[in-house]
PDB file of all heavy atoms in Angstrom:
ATOM      1  N   ILE A   1      -3.499   9.533   5.233  1.00  0.00           N
ATOM      2  CA  ILE A   1      -2.129   9.813   4.680  1.00  0.00           C
ATOM      3  C   ILE A   1      -2.147   9.575   3.198  1.00  0.00           C
ATOM      4  O   ILE A   1      -1.620  10.372   2.452  1.00  0.00           O
ATOM      5  CB  ILE A   1      -1.062   8.892   5.373  1.00  0.00           C
ATOM      6  CG1 ILE A   1      -1.016   9.290   6.885  1.00  0.00           C
ATOM      7  CG2 ILE A   1       0.283   9.082   4.682  1.00  0.00           C
ATOM      8  CD1 ILE A   1      -0.207   8.277   7.762  1.00  0.00           C
ATOM      9  N   GLY A   2      -2.762   8.483   2.742  1.00  0.00           N
ATOM     10  CA  GLY A   2      -2.860   8.185   1.317  1.00  0.00           C
ATOM     11  C   GLY A   2      -3.532   9.255   0.537  1.00  0.00           C
ATOM     12  O   GLY A   2      -3.080   9.666  -0.522  1.00  0.00           O
ATOM     13  N   LYS A   3      -4.679   9.719   1.039  1.00  0.00           N
ATOM     14  CA  LYS A   3      -5.360  10.804   0.378  1.00  0.00           C
ATOM     15  C   LYS A   3      -4.612  12.092   0.292  1.00  0.00           C
ATOM     16  O   LYS A   3      -4.609  12.816  -0.659  1.00  0.00           O
ATOM     17  CB  LYS A   3      -6.775  11.013   1.054  1.00  0.00           C
ATOM     18  CG  LYS A   3      -7.753   9.932   0.738  1.00  0.00           C
ATOM     19  CD  LYS A   3      -9.170  10.261   1.213  1.00  0.00           C
ATOM     20  CE  LYS A   3      -9.316  10.240   2.740  1.00  0.00           C
ATOM     21  NZ  LYS A   3     -10.664  10.378   3.219  1.00  0.00           N
ATOM     22  N   ALA A   4      -3.961  12.433   1.461  1.00  0.00           N
ATOM     23  CA  ALA A   4      -3.105  13.591   1.439  1.00  0.00           C
ATOM     24  C   ALA A   4      -1.956  13.518   0.430  1.00  0.00           C
ATOM     25  O   ALA A   4      -1.688  14.480  -0.272  1.00  0.00           O
ATOM     26  CB  ALA A   4      -2.543  13.839   2.831  1.00  0.00           C
ATOM     27  N   LEU A   5      -1.340  12.375   0.343  1.00  0.00           N
ATOM     28  CA  LEU A   5      -0.254  12.158  -0.677  1.00  0.00           C
ATOM     29  C   LEU A   5      -0.801  12.262  -2.032  1.00  0.00           C
ATOM     30  O   LEU A   5      -0.160  12.858  -2.927  1.00  0.00           O
ATOM     31  CB  LEU A   5       0.475  10.864  -0.402  1.00  0.00           C
ATOM     32  CG  LEU A   5       1.341  10.796   0.875  1.00  0.00           C
ATOM     33  CD1 LEU A   5       1.776   9.396   1.143  1.00  0.00           C
ATOM     34  CD2 LEU A   5       2.505  11.747   0.796  1.00  0.00           C
ATOM     35  N   ARG A   6      -1.928  11.669  -2.308  1.00  0.00           N
ATOM     36  CA  ARG A   6      -2.548  11.720  -3.654  1.00  0.00           C
ATOM     37  C   ARG A   6      -3.033  13.093  -4.001  1.00  0.00           C
ATOM     38  O   ARG A   6      -3.086  13.473  -5.207  1.00  0.00           O
ATOM     39  CB  ARG A   6      -3.693  10.740  -3.746  1.00  0.00           C
ATOM     40  CG  ARG A   6      -3.259   9.281  -3.795  1.00  0.00           C
ATOM     41  CD  ARG A   6      -3.429   8.668  -5.151  1.00  0.00           C
ATOM     42  NE  ARG A   6      -2.769   7.370  -5.300  1.00  0.00           N
ATOM     43  CZ  ARG A   6      -3.344   6.216  -4.984  1.00  0.00           C
ATOM     44  NH1 ARG A   6      -4.558   6.168  -4.515  1.00  0.00           N
ATOM     45  NH2 ARG A   6      -2.717   5.061  -5.126  1.00  0.00           N
ATOM     46  N   SER A   7      -3.422  13.910  -3.015  1.00  0.00           N
ATOM     47  CA  SER A   7      -3.841  15.240  -3.357  1.00  0.00           C
ATOM     48  C   SER A   7      -2.588  16.098  -3.804  1.00  0.00           C
ATOM     49  O   SER A   7      -2.695  16.971  -4.628  1.00  0.00           O
ATOM     50  CB  SER A   7      -4.546  15.948  -2.214  1.00  0.00           C
ATOM     51  OG  SER A   7      -3.695  16.110  -1.124  1.00  0.00           O
ATOM     52  N   LEU A   8      -1.467  15.759  -3.220  1.00  0.00           N
ATOM     53  CA  LEU A   8      -0.203  16.435  -3.631  1.00  0.00           C
ATOM     54  C   LEU A   8       0.296  15.865  -4.938  1.00  0.00           C
ATOM     55  O   LEU A   8       0.721  16.662  -5.803  1.00  0.00           O
ATOM     56  CB  LEU A   8       0.871  16.152  -2.563  1.00  0.00           C
ATOM     57  CG  LEU A   8       2.295  16.607  -2.804  1.00  0.00           C
ATOM     58  CD1 LEU A   8       2.347  18.097  -2.745  1.00  0.00           C
ATOM     59  CD2 LEU A   8       3.203  15.994  -1.821  1.00  0.00           C
ATOM     60  N   LYS A   9       0.319  14.557  -5.077  1.00  0.00           N
ATOM     61  CA  LYS A   9       0.840  13.914  -6.295  1.00  0.00           C
ATOM     62  C   LYS A   9      -0.105  12.819  -6.677  1.00  0.00           C
ATOM     63  O   LYS A   9      -0.006  11.669  -6.153  1.00  0.00           O
ATOM     64  CB  LYS A   9       2.215  13.381  -5.989  1.00  0.00           C
ATOM     65  CG  LYS A   9       2.935  12.912  -7.172  1.00  0.00           C
ATOM     66  CD  LYS A   9       4.437  12.603  -6.895  1.00  0.00           C
ATOM     67  CE  LYS A   9       5.091  12.150  -8.176  1.00  0.00           C
ATOM     68  NZ  LYS A   9       6.467  11.914  -8.065  1.00  0.00           N
ATOM     69  N   PRO A  10      -1.036  13.048  -7.618  1.00  0.00           N
ATOM     70  CA  PRO A  10      -2.086  12.080  -7.909  1.00  0.00           C
ATOM     71  C   PRO A  10      -1.560  10.703  -8.417  1.00  0.00           C
ATOM     72  O   PRO A  10      -2.198   9.686  -8.274  1.00  0.00           O
ATOM     73  CB  PRO A  10      -2.862  12.768  -9.048  1.00  0.00           C
ATOM     74  CG  PRO A  10      -2.652  14.193  -8.828  1.00  0.00           C
ATOM     75  CD  PRO A  10      -1.228  14.301  -8.275  1.00  0.00           C
ATOM     76  N   ASP A  11      -0.350  10.667  -9.021  1.00  0.00           N
ATOM     77  CA  ASP A  11       0.170   9.449  -9.568  1.00  0.00           C
ATOM     78  C   ASP A  11       1.125   8.671  -8.663  1.00  0.00           C
ATOM     79  O   ASP A  11       1.702   7.699  -9.072  1.00  0.00           O
ATOM     80  CB  ASP A  11       0.862   9.709 -10.957  1.00  0.00           C
ATOM     81  CG  ASP A  11       2.055  10.664 -10.737  1.00  0.00           C
ATOM     82  OD1 ASP A  11       2.117  11.385  -9.767  1.00  0.00           O
ATOM     83  OD2 ASP A  11       2.952  10.601 -11.671  1.00  0.00           O
ATOM     84  N   ILE A  12       1.169   9.087  -7.390  1.00  0.00           N
ATOM     85  CA  ILE A  12       2.063   8.422  -6.446  1.00  0.00           C
ATOM     86  C   ILE A  12       1.548   6.980  -6.204  1.00  0.00           C
ATOM     87  O   ILE A  12       0.342   6.756  -6.083  1.00  0.00           O
ATOM     88  CB  ILE A  12       2.199   9.168  -5.102  1.00  0.00           C
ATOM     89  CG1 ILE A  12       3.341   8.620  -4.264  1.00  0.00           C
ATOM     90  CG2 ILE A  12       0.888   9.158  -4.300  1.00  0.00           C
ATOM     91  CD1 ILE A  12       3.764   9.519  -3.086  1.00  0.00           C
ATOM     92  N   ARG A  13       2.408   6.026  -6.235  1.00  0.00           N
ATOM     93  CA  ARG A  13       2.104   4.654  -5.986  1.00  0.00           C
ATOM     94  C   ARG A  13       2.078   4.393  -4.453  1.00  0.00           C
ATOM     95  O   ARG A  13       2.987   4.880  -3.750  1.00  0.00           O
ATOM     96  CB  ARG A  13       3.104   3.694  -6.622  1.00  0.00           C
ATOM     97  CG  ARG A  13       3.000   3.616  -8.080  1.00  0.00           C
ATOM     98  CD  ARG A  13       4.089   2.788  -8.733  1.00  0.00           C
ATOM     99  NE  ARG A  13       4.103   1.418  -8.224  1.00  0.00           N
ATOM    100  CZ  ARG A  13       5.166   0.604  -8.317  1.00  0.00           C
ATOM    101  NH1 ARG A  13       6.285   1.090  -8.831  1.00  0.00           N
ATOM    102  NH2 ARG A  13       5.103  -0.565  -7.804  1.00  0.00           N
ATOM    103  N   LEU A  14       1.046   3.737  -3.992  1.00  0.00           N
ATOM    104  CA  LEU A  14       0.941   3.416  -2.583  1.00  0.00           C
ATOM    105  C   LEU A  14       1.083   1.930  -2.348  1.00  0.00           C
ATOM    106  O   LEU A  14       0.479   1.115  -3.015  1.00  0.00           O
ATOM    107  CB  LEU A  14      -0.434   3.889  -2.043  1.00  0.00           C
ATOM    108  CG  LEU A  14      -0.752   5.369  -2.196  1.00  0.00           C
ATOM    109  CD1 LEU A  14      -2.115   5.697  -1.653  1.00  0.00           C
ATOM    110  CD2 LEU A  14       0.312   6.215  -1.438  1.00  0.00           C
ATOM    111  N   VAL A  15       1.927   1.613  -1.375  1.00  0.00           N
ATOM    112  CA  VAL A  15       2.155   0.187  -0.934  1.00  0.00           C
ATOM    113  C   VAL A  15       1.849   0.132   0.510  1.00  0.00           C
ATOM    114  O   VAL A  15       2.408   0.886   1.309  1.00  0.00           O
ATOM    115  CB  VAL A  15       3.580  -0.277  -1.249  1.00  0.00           C
ATOM    116  CG1 VAL A  15       3.819  -1.684  -0.763  1.00  0.00           C
ATOM    117  CG2 VAL A  15       3.908  -0.142  -2.715  1.00  0.00           C
ATOM    118  N   VAL A  16       0.908  -0.797   0.890  1.00  0.00           N
ATOM    119  CA  VAL A  16       0.494  -0.898   2.289  1.00  0.00           C
ATOM    120  C   VAL A  16       1.120  -2.168   2.906  1.00  0.00           C
ATOM    121  O   VAL A  16       1.005  -3.256   2.318  1.00  0.00           O
ATOM    122  CB  VAL A  16      -1.046  -1.001   2.379  1.00  0.00           C
ATOM    123  CG1 VAL A  16      -1.501  -1.202   3.818  1.00  0.00           C
ATOM    124  CG2 VAL A  16      -1.702   0.276   1.783  1.00  0.00           C
ATOM    125  N   PHE A  17       1.827  -1.988   3.998  1.00  0.00           N
ATOM    126  CA  PHE A  17       2.352  -3.140   4.725  1.00  0.00           C
ATOM    127  C   PHE A  17       1.359  -3.491   5.829  1.00  0.00           C
ATOM    128  O   PHE A  17       0.982  -2.597   6.547  1.00  0.00           O
ATOM    129  CB  PHE A  17       3.692  -2.790   5.385  1.00  0.00           C
ATOM    130  CG  PHE A  17       4.879  -2.898   4.493  1.00  0.00           C
ATOM    131  CD1 PHE A  17       5.330  -1.788   3.811  1.00  0.00           C
ATOM    132  CD2 PHE A  17       5.509  -4.084   4.278  1.00  0.00           C
ATOM    133  CE1 PHE A  17       6.413  -1.853   2.956  1.00  0.00           C
ATOM    134  CE2 PHE A  17       6.620  -4.175   3.448  1.00  0.00           C
ATOM    135  CZ  PHE A  17       7.050  -3.109   2.748  1.00  0.00           C
ATOM    136  N   SER A  18       0.973  -4.753   5.889  1.00  0.00           N
ATOM    137  CA  SER A  18      -0.026  -5.179   6.872  1.00  0.00           C
ATOM    138  C   SER A  18       0.388  -6.429   7.577  1.00  0.00           C
ATOM    139  O   SER A  18       0.900  -7.366   6.899  1.00  0.00           O
ATOM    140  CB  SER A  18      -1.403  -5.347   6.228  1.00  0.00           C
ATOM    141  OG  SER A  18      -2.310  -5.874   7.111  1.00  0.00           O
ATOM    142  N   SER A  19       0.184  -6.560   8.864  1.00  0.00           N
ATOM    143  CA  SER A  19       0.434  -7.781   9.644  1.00  0.00           C
ATOM    144  C   SER A  19      -0.766  -8.737   9.515  1.00  0.00           C
ATOM    145  O   SER A  19      -0.665  -9.917   9.817  1.00  0.00           O
ATOM    146  CB  SER A  19       0.647  -7.423  11.113  1.00  0.00           C
ATOM    147  OG  SER A  19       1.699  -6.553  11.246  1.00  0.00           O
ATOM    148  N   GLU A  20      -1.904  -8.198   9.132  1.00  0.00           N
ATOM    149  CA  GLU A  20      -3.156  -9.002   9.010  1.00  0.00           C
ATOM    150  C   GLU A  20      -3.068  -9.865   7.743  1.00  0.00           C
ATOM    151  O   GLU A  20      -2.472  -9.476   6.737  1.00  0.00           O
ATOM    152  CB  GLU A  20      -4.350  -8.114   8.946  1.00  0.00           C
ATOM    153  CG  GLU A  20      -4.493  -7.186  10.161  1.00  0.00           C
ATOM    154  CD  GLU A  20      -4.757  -7.977  11.428  1.00  0.00           C
ATOM    155  OE1 GLU A  20      -5.540  -8.941  11.424  1.00  0.00           O
ATOM    156  OE2 GLU A  20      -4.180  -7.598  12.483  1.00  0.00           O
ATOM    157  N   ASN A  21      -3.832 -10.924   7.688  1.00  0.00           N
ATOM    158  CA  ASN A  21      -3.891 -11.790   6.573  1.00  0.00           C
ATOM    159  C   ASN A  21      -4.996 -11.398   5.604  1.00  0.00           C
ATOM    160  O   ASN A  21      -5.078 -11.976   4.507  1.00  0.00           O
ATOM    161  CB  ASN A  21      -4.130 -13.247   6.971  1.00  0.00           C
ATOM    162  CG  ASN A  21      -2.835 -13.815   7.619  1.00  0.00           C
ATOM    163  OD1 ASN A  21      -1.745 -13.341   7.409  1.00  0.00           O
ATOM    164  ND2 ASN A  21      -3.060 -14.850   8.449  1.00  0.00           N
ATOM    165  N   SER A  22      -5.874 -10.496   6.013  1.00  0.00           N
ATOM    166  CA  SER A  22      -6.974 -10.116   5.170  1.00  0.00           C
ATOM    167  C   SER A  22      -6.742  -8.765   4.531  1.00  0.00           C
ATOM    168  O   SER A  22      -5.892  -7.988   4.920  1.00  0.00           O
ATOM    169  CB  SER A  22      -8.277 -10.075   5.940  1.00  0.00           C
ATOM    170  OG  SER A  22      -8.198  -9.102   6.964  1.00  0.00           O
ATOM    171  N   ASP A  23      -7.492  -8.532   3.437  1.00  0.00           N
ATOM    172  CA  ASP A  23      -7.410  -7.219   2.755  1.00  0.00           C
ATOM    173  C   ASP A  23      -7.916  -6.096   3.693  1.00  0.00           C
ATOM    174  O   ASP A  23      -9.088  -6.150   4.126  1.00  0.00           O
ATOM    175  CB  ASP A  23      -8.309  -7.198   1.516  1.00  0.00           C
ATOM    176  CG  ASP A  23      -7.513  -7.162   0.218  1.00  0.00           C
ATOM    177  OD1 ASP A  23      -6.295  -7.082   0.312  1.00  0.00           O
ATOM    178  OD2 ASP A  23      -8.170  -7.178  -0.858  1.00  0.00           O
ATOM    179  N   PRO A  24      -7.135  -5.075   3.929  1.00  0.00           N
ATOM    180  CA  PRO A  24      -7.607  -4.003   4.793  1.00  0.00           C
ATOM    181  C   PRO A  24      -8.661  -3.177   4.045  1.00  0.00           C
ATOM    182  O   PRO A  24      -8.610  -3.051   2.801  1.00  0.00           O
ATOM    183  CB  PRO A  24      -6.344  -3.140   5.088  1.00  0.00           C
ATOM    184  CG  PRO A  24      -5.386  -3.520   4.026  1.00  0.00           C
ATOM    185  CD  PRO A  24      -5.786  -4.890   3.569  1.00  0.00           C
ATOM    186  N   PRO A  25      -9.637  -2.575   4.732  1.00  0.00           N
ATOM    187  CA  PRO A  25     -10.680  -1.798   4.108  1.00  0.00           C
ATOM    188  C   PRO A  25     -10.164  -0.357   3.700  1.00  0.00           C
ATOM    189  O   PRO A  25     -10.442   0.620   4.360  1.00  0.00           O
ATOM    190  CB  PRO A  25     -11.749  -1.706   5.168  1.00  0.00           C
ATOM    191  CG  PRO A  25     -10.998  -1.717   6.458  1.00  0.00           C
ATOM    192  CD  PRO A  25      -9.797  -2.673   6.177  1.00  0.00           C
ATOM    193  N   LEU A  26      -9.411  -0.318   2.601  1.00  0.00           N
ATOM    194  CA  LEU A  26      -8.784   0.973   2.157  1.00  0.00           C
ATOM    195  C   LEU A  26      -9.300   1.330   0.779  1.00  0.00           C
ATOM    196  O   LEU A  26      -8.446   1.753  -0.028  1.00  0.00           O
ATOM    197  CB  LEU A  26      -7.273   0.824   2.202  1.00  0.00           C
ATOM    198  CG  LEU A  26      -6.678   0.466   3.561  1.00  0.00           C
ATOM    199  CD1 LEU A  26      -5.183   0.199   3.426  1.00  0.00           C
ATOM    200  CD2 LEU A  26      -6.913   1.515   4.595  1.00  0.00           C
ATOM    201  N   ASP A  27     -10.599   1.149   0.484  1.00  0.00           N
ATOM    202  CA  ASP A  27     -11.048   1.435  -0.853  1.00  0.00           C
ATOM    203  C   ASP A  27     -10.830   2.871  -1.293  1.00  0.00           C
ATOM    204  O   ASP A  27     -10.662   3.115  -2.474  1.00  0.00           O
ATOM    205  CB  ASP A  27     -12.526   1.097  -0.947  1.00  0.00           C
ATOM    206  CG  ASP A  27     -12.847  -0.428  -0.789  1.00  0.00           C
ATOM    207  OD1 ASP A  27     -11.836  -1.179  -1.098  1.00  0.00           O
ATOM    208  OD2 ASP A  27     -13.876  -0.778  -0.347  1.00  0.00           O
ATOM    209  N   GLU A  28     -10.905   3.793  -0.319  1.00  0.00           N
ATOM    210  CA  GLU A  28     -10.829   5.218  -0.710  1.00  0.00           C
ATOM    211  C   GLU A  28      -9.479   5.654  -1.220  1.00  0.00           C
ATOM    212  O   GLU A  28      -9.350   6.743  -1.847  1.00  0.00           O
ATOM    213  CB  GLU A  28     -11.215   6.072   0.494  1.00  0.00           C
ATOM    214  CG  GLU A  28     -10.449   5.783   1.731  1.00  0.00           C
ATOM    215  CD  GLU A  28     -11.106   6.232   2.997  1.00  0.00           C
ATOM    216  OE1 GLU A  28     -11.230   7.445   3.252  1.00  0.00           O
ATOM    217  OE2 GLU A  28     -11.565   5.332   3.715  1.00  0.00           O
ATOM    218  N   ILE A  29      -8.464   4.794  -1.089  1.00  0.00           N
ATOM    219  CA  ILE A  29      -7.092   5.157  -1.673  1.00  0.00           C
ATOM    220  C   ILE A  29      -6.681   4.203  -2.713  1.00  0.00           C
ATOM    221  O   ILE A  29      -5.483   4.151  -3.056  1.00  0.00           O
ATOM    222  CB  ILE A  29      -6.040   5.244  -0.515  1.00  0.00           C
ATOM    223  CG1 ILE A  29      -5.851   3.964   0.209  1.00  0.00           C
ATOM    224  CG2 ILE A  29      -6.360   6.474   0.392  1.00  0.00           C
ATOM    225  CD1 ILE A  29      -4.586   3.919   1.094  1.00  0.00           C
ATOM    226  N   ARG A  30      -7.609   3.415  -3.320  1.00  0.00           N
ATOM    227  CA  ARG A  30      -7.223   2.549  -4.396  1.00  0.00           C
ATOM    228  C   ARG A  30      -6.739   3.350  -5.545  1.00  0.00           C
ATOM    229  O   ARG A  30      -7.160   4.417  -5.760  1.00  0.00           O
ATOM    230  CB  ARG A  30      -8.438   1.703  -4.818  1.00  0.00           C
ATOM    231  CG  ARG A  30      -8.695   0.588  -3.830  1.00  0.00           C
ATOM    232  CD  ARG A  30      -9.231  -0.646  -4.590  1.00  0.00           C
ATOM    233  NE  ARG A  30      -9.388  -1.717  -3.694  1.00  0.00           N
ATOM    234  CZ  ARG A  30      -8.513  -2.644  -3.452  1.00  0.00           C
ATOM    235  NH1 ARG A  30      -7.367  -2.591  -4.023  1.00  0.00           N
ATOM    236  NH2 ARG A  30      -8.760  -3.599  -2.583  1.00  0.00           N
ATOM    237  N   PRO A  31      -5.813   2.831  -6.326  1.00  0.00           N
ATOM    238  CA  PRO A  31      -5.142   1.557  -6.274  1.00  0.00           C
ATOM    239  C   PRO A  31      -3.999   1.552  -5.295  1.00  0.00           C
ATOM    240  O   PRO A  31      -3.358   2.583  -5.100  1.00  0.00           O
ATOM    241  CB  PRO A  31      -4.646   1.297  -7.675  1.00  0.00           C
ATOM    242  CG  PRO A  31      -4.416   2.606  -8.238  1.00  0.00           C
ATOM    243  CD  PRO A  31      -5.421   3.543  -7.600  1.00  0.00           C
ATOM    244  N   TRP A  32      -3.752   0.405  -4.631  1.00  0.00           N
ATOM    245  CA  TRP A  32      -2.610   0.284  -3.749  1.00  0.00           C
ATOM    246  C   TRP A  32      -2.192  -1.182  -3.819  1.00  0.00           C
ATOM    247  O   TRP A  32      -2.973  -2.048  -4.249  1.00  0.00           O
ATOM    248  CB  TRP A  32      -2.890   0.692  -2.333  1.00  0.00           C
ATOM    249  CG  TRP A  32      -4.177   0.184  -1.761  1.00  0.00           C
ATOM    250  CD1 TRP A  32      -5.390   0.787  -1.766  1.00  0.00           C
ATOM    251  CD2 TRP A  32      -4.400  -1.141  -1.104  1.00  0.00           C
ATOM    252  NE1 TRP A  32      -6.355   0.011  -1.210  1.00  0.00           N
ATOM    253  CE2 TRP A  32      -5.748  -1.187  -0.742  1.00  0.00           C
ATOM    254  CE3 TRP A  32      -3.603  -2.202  -0.783  1.00  0.00           C
ATOM    255  CZ2 TRP A  32      -6.321  -2.293  -0.088  1.00  0.00           C
ATOM    256  CZ3 TRP A  32      -4.109  -3.285  -0.165  1.00  0.00           C
ATOM    257  CH2 TRP A  32      -5.489  -3.303   0.169  1.00  0.00           C
ATOM    258  N   THR A  33      -0.993  -1.455  -3.378  1.00  0.00           N
ATOM    259  CA  THR A  33      -0.433  -2.795  -3.336  1.00  0.00           C
ATOM    260  C   THR A  33      -0.304  -3.219  -1.903  1.00  0.00           C
ATOM    261  O   THR A  33       0.166  -2.470  -1.088  1.00  0.00           O
ATOM    262  CB  THR A  33       0.914  -2.814  -4.055  1.00  0.00           C
ATOM    263  OG1 THR A  33       0.786  -2.360  -5.373  1.00  0.00           O
ATOM    264  CG2 THR A  33       1.449  -4.236  -4.108  1.00  0.00           C
ATOM    265  N   LEU A  34      -0.707  -4.444  -1.601  1.00  0.00           N
ATOM    266  CA  LEU A  34      -0.560  -4.961  -0.247  1.00  0.00           C
ATOM    267  C   LEU A  34       0.660  -5.884  -0.161  1.00  0.00           C
ATOM    268  O   LEU A  34       0.856  -6.752  -0.958  1.00  0.00           O
ATOM    269  CB  LEU A  34      -1.817  -5.779   0.114  1.00  0.00           C
ATOM    270  CG  LEU A  34      -1.868  -6.362   1.520  1.00  0.00           C
ATOM    271  CD1 LEU A  34      -1.885  -5.259   2.541  1.00  0.00           C
ATOM    272  CD2 LEU A  34      -3.037  -7.318   1.646  1.00  0.00           C
ATOM    273  N   ILE A  35       1.464  -5.665   0.880  1.00  0.00           N
ATOM    274  CA  ILE A  35       2.595  -6.558   1.218  1.00  0.00           C
ATOM    275  C   ILE A  35       2.410  -6.955   2.667  1.00  0.00           C
ATOM    276  O   ILE A  35       2.210  -6.122   3.544  1.00  0.00           O
ATOM    277  CB  ILE A  35       3.961  -5.804   1.014  1.00  0.00           C
ATOM    278  CG1 ILE A  35       4.136  -5.446  -0.476  1.00  0.00           C
ATOM    279  CG2 ILE A  35       5.077  -6.664   1.483  1.00  0.00           C
ATOM    280  CD1 ILE A  35       5.429  -4.701  -0.763  1.00  0.00           C
ATOM    281  N   SER A  36       2.530  -8.278   2.866  1.00  0.00           N
ATOM    282  CA  SER A  36       2.340  -8.789   4.242  1.00  0.00           C
ATOM    283  C   SER A  36       3.648  -8.610   5.061  1.00  0.00           C
ATOM    284  O   SER A  36       4.724  -8.653   4.519  1.00  0.00           O
ATOM    285  CB  SER A  36       2.025 -10.275   4.160  1.00  0.00           C
ATOM    286  OG  SER A  36       0.813 -10.494   3.528  1.00  0.00           O
ATOM    287  N   LYS A  37       3.411  -8.391   6.313  1.00  0.00           N
ATOM    288  CA  LYS A  37       4.557  -8.332   7.243  1.00  0.00           C
ATOM    289  C   LYS A  37       4.525  -9.655   8.047  1.00  0.00           C
ATOM    290  O   LYS A  37       3.461 -10.054   8.433  1.00  0.00           O
ATOM    291  CB  LYS A  37       4.382  -7.177   8.247  1.00  0.00           C
ATOM    292  CG  LYS A  37       4.658  -5.856   7.622  1.00  0.00           C
ATOM    293  CD  LYS A  37       4.281  -4.647   8.500  1.00  0.00           C
ATOM    294  CE  LYS A  37       4.794  -4.551   9.864  1.00  0.00           C
ATOM    295  NZ  LYS A  37       4.416  -3.286  10.530  1.00  0.00           N
ATOM    296  N   PRO A  38       5.626 -10.261   8.249  1.00  0.00           N
ATOM    297  CA  PRO A  38       6.983  -9.865   7.785  1.00  0.00           C
ATOM    298  C   PRO A  38       7.073 -10.060   6.264  1.00  0.00           C
ATOM    299  O   PRO A  38       6.427 -10.931   5.639  1.00  0.00           O
ATOM    300  CB  PRO A  38       7.883 -10.874   8.484  1.00  0.00           C
ATOM    301  CG  PRO A  38       7.077 -12.050   8.800  1.00  0.00           C
ATOM    302  CD  PRO A  38       5.638 -11.594   8.982  1.00  0.00           C
ATOM    303  N   TYR A  39       7.872  -9.252   5.639  1.00  0.00           N
ATOM    304  CA  TYR A  39       8.027  -9.220   4.178  1.00  0.00           C
ATOM    305  C   TYR A  39       9.339  -9.903   3.812  1.00  0.00           C
ATOM    306  O   TYR A  39      10.203 -10.071   4.591  1.00  0.00           O
ATOM    307  CB  TYR A  39       7.977  -7.764   3.678  1.00  0.00           C
ATOM    308  CG  TYR A  39       9.222  -6.926   4.200  1.00  0.00           C
ATOM    309  CD1 TYR A  39      10.357  -6.828   3.436  1.00  0.00           C
ATOM    310  CD2 TYR A  39       9.109  -6.258   5.396  1.00  0.00           C
ATOM    311  CE1 TYR A  39      11.408  -6.103   3.948  1.00  0.00           C
ATOM    312  CE2 TYR A  39      10.120  -5.532   5.896  1.00  0.00           C
ATOM    313  CZ  TYR A  39      11.295  -5.469   5.119  1.00  0.00           C
ATOM    314  OH  TYR A  39      12.366  -4.734   5.610  1.00  0.00           O
ATOM    315  N   TYR A  40       9.464 -10.172   2.526  1.00  0.00           N
ATOM    316  CA  TYR A  40      10.634 -10.762   1.990  1.00  0.00           C
ATOM    317  C   TYR A  40      11.243  -9.674   1.058  1.00  0.00           C
ATOM    318  O   TYR A  40      10.601  -9.308  -0.003  1.00  0.00           O
ATOM    319  CB  TYR A  40      10.262 -12.060   1.228  1.00  0.00           C
ATOM    320  CG  TYR A  40      11.405 -12.827   0.565  1.00  0.00           C
ATOM    321  CD1 TYR A  40      12.477 -13.216   1.362  1.00  0.00           C
ATOM    322  CD2 TYR A  40      11.380 -13.082  -0.750  1.00  0.00           C
ATOM    323  CE1 TYR A  40      13.542 -13.917   0.751  1.00  0.00           C
ATOM    324  CE2 TYR A  40      12.473 -13.795  -1.336  1.00  0.00           C
ATOM    325  CZ  TYR A  40      13.541 -14.222  -0.562  1.00  0.00           C
ATOM    326  OH  TYR A  40      14.532 -14.883  -1.109  1.00  0.00           O
ATOM    327  N   LEU A  41      12.369  -9.156   1.374  1.00  0.00           N
ATOM    328  CA  LEU A  41      12.960  -7.992   0.668  1.00  0.00           C
ATOM    329  C   LEU A  41      13.050  -8.219  -0.858  1.00  0.00           C
ATOM    330  O   LEU A  41      12.733  -7.321  -1.623  1.00  0.00           O
ATOM    331  CB  LEU A  41      14.307  -7.602   1.255  1.00  0.00           C
ATOM    332  CG  LEU A  41      14.971  -6.353   0.612  1.00  0.00           C
ATOM    333  CD1 LEU A  41      14.039  -5.138   0.812  1.00  0.00           C
ATOM    334  CD2 LEU A  41      16.321  -6.109   1.198  1.00  0.00           C
ATOM    335  N   PRO A  42      13.484  -9.416  -1.336  1.00  0.00           N
ATOM    336  CA  PRO A  42      13.525  -9.574  -2.805  1.00  0.00           C
ATOM    337  C   PRO A  42      12.174  -9.392  -3.472  1.00  0.00           C
ATOM    338  O   PRO A  42      12.080  -8.837  -4.609  1.00  0.00           O
ATOM    339  CB  PRO A  42      14.076 -10.979  -2.954  1.00  0.00           C
ATOM    340  CG  PRO A  42      14.913 -11.218  -1.789  1.00  0.00           C
ATOM    341  CD  PRO A  42      14.187 -10.534  -0.670  1.00  0.00           C
ATOM    342  N   ASP A  43      11.018  -9.800  -2.839  1.00  0.00           N
ATOM    343  CA  ASP A  43       9.706  -9.526  -3.365  1.00  0.00           C
ATOM    344  C   ASP A  43       9.414  -8.044  -3.452  1.00  0.00           C
ATOM    345  O   ASP A  43       8.851  -7.556  -4.427  1.00  0.00           O
ATOM    346  CB  ASP A  43       8.662 -10.244  -2.533  1.00  0.00           C
ATOM    347  CG  ASP A  43       8.677 -11.758  -2.674  1.00  0.00           C
ATOM    348  OD1 ASP A  43       9.330 -12.303  -3.664  1.00  0.00           O
ATOM    349  OD2 ASP A  43       8.091 -12.467  -1.832  1.00  0.00           O
ATOM    350  N   VAL A  44       9.815  -7.314  -2.431  1.00  0.00           N
ATOM    351  CA  VAL A  44       9.601  -5.886  -2.418  1.00  0.00           C
ATOM    352  C   VAL A  44      10.428  -5.206  -3.531  1.00  0.00           C
ATOM    353  O   VAL A  44       9.905  -4.364  -4.312  1.00  0.00           O
ATOM    354  CB  VAL A  44       9.976  -5.228  -1.053  1.00  0.00           C
ATOM    355  CG1 VAL A  44       9.930  -3.727  -1.105  1.00  0.00           C
ATOM    356  CG2 VAL A  44       9.103  -5.807   0.050  1.00  0.00           C
ATOM    357  N   LEU A  45      11.626  -5.627  -3.702  1.00  0.00           N
ATOM    358  CA  LEU A  45      12.490  -5.032  -4.758  1.00  0.00           C
ATOM    359  C   LEU A  45      11.949  -5.455  -6.145  1.00  0.00           C
ATOM    360  O   LEU A  45      11.980  -4.571  -7.066  1.00  0.00           O
ATOM    361  CB  LEU A  45      13.910  -5.502  -4.601  1.00  0.00           C
ATOM    362  CG  LEU A  45      14.625  -5.053  -3.283  1.00  0.00           C
ATOM    363  CD1 LEU A  45      16.023  -5.634  -3.185  1.00  0.00           C
ATOM    364  CD2 LEU A  45      14.634  -3.527  -3.193  1.00  0.00           C
ATOM    365  N   ASN A  46      11.465  -6.651  -6.367  1.00  0.00           N
ATOM    366  CA  ASN A  46      10.878  -7.023  -7.615  1.00  0.00           C
ATOM    367  C   ASN A  46       9.565  -6.217  -7.958  1.00  0.00           C
ATOM    368  O   ASN A  46       9.420  -5.767  -9.058  1.00  0.00           O
ATOM    369  CB  ASN A  46      10.521  -8.538  -7.651  1.00  0.00           C
ATOM    370  CG  ASN A  46      11.679  -9.367  -7.810  1.00  0.00           C
ATOM    371  OD1 ASN A  46      12.713  -8.965  -8.342  1.00  0.00           O
ATOM    372  ND2 ASN A  46      11.604 -10.602  -7.351  1.00  0.00           N
TER     373      ASN A  46
END
């Protein structure tokens, strides 16, 4: 999904929500931002 979105719009920012505590292996769509689930809405808005 990330690659498809970047092929459409190369400058789109990607934010990944993950329940895991470790960095997911998503090197092919770097740069991206990781947000843990459950999330804190004020952190997302900031």
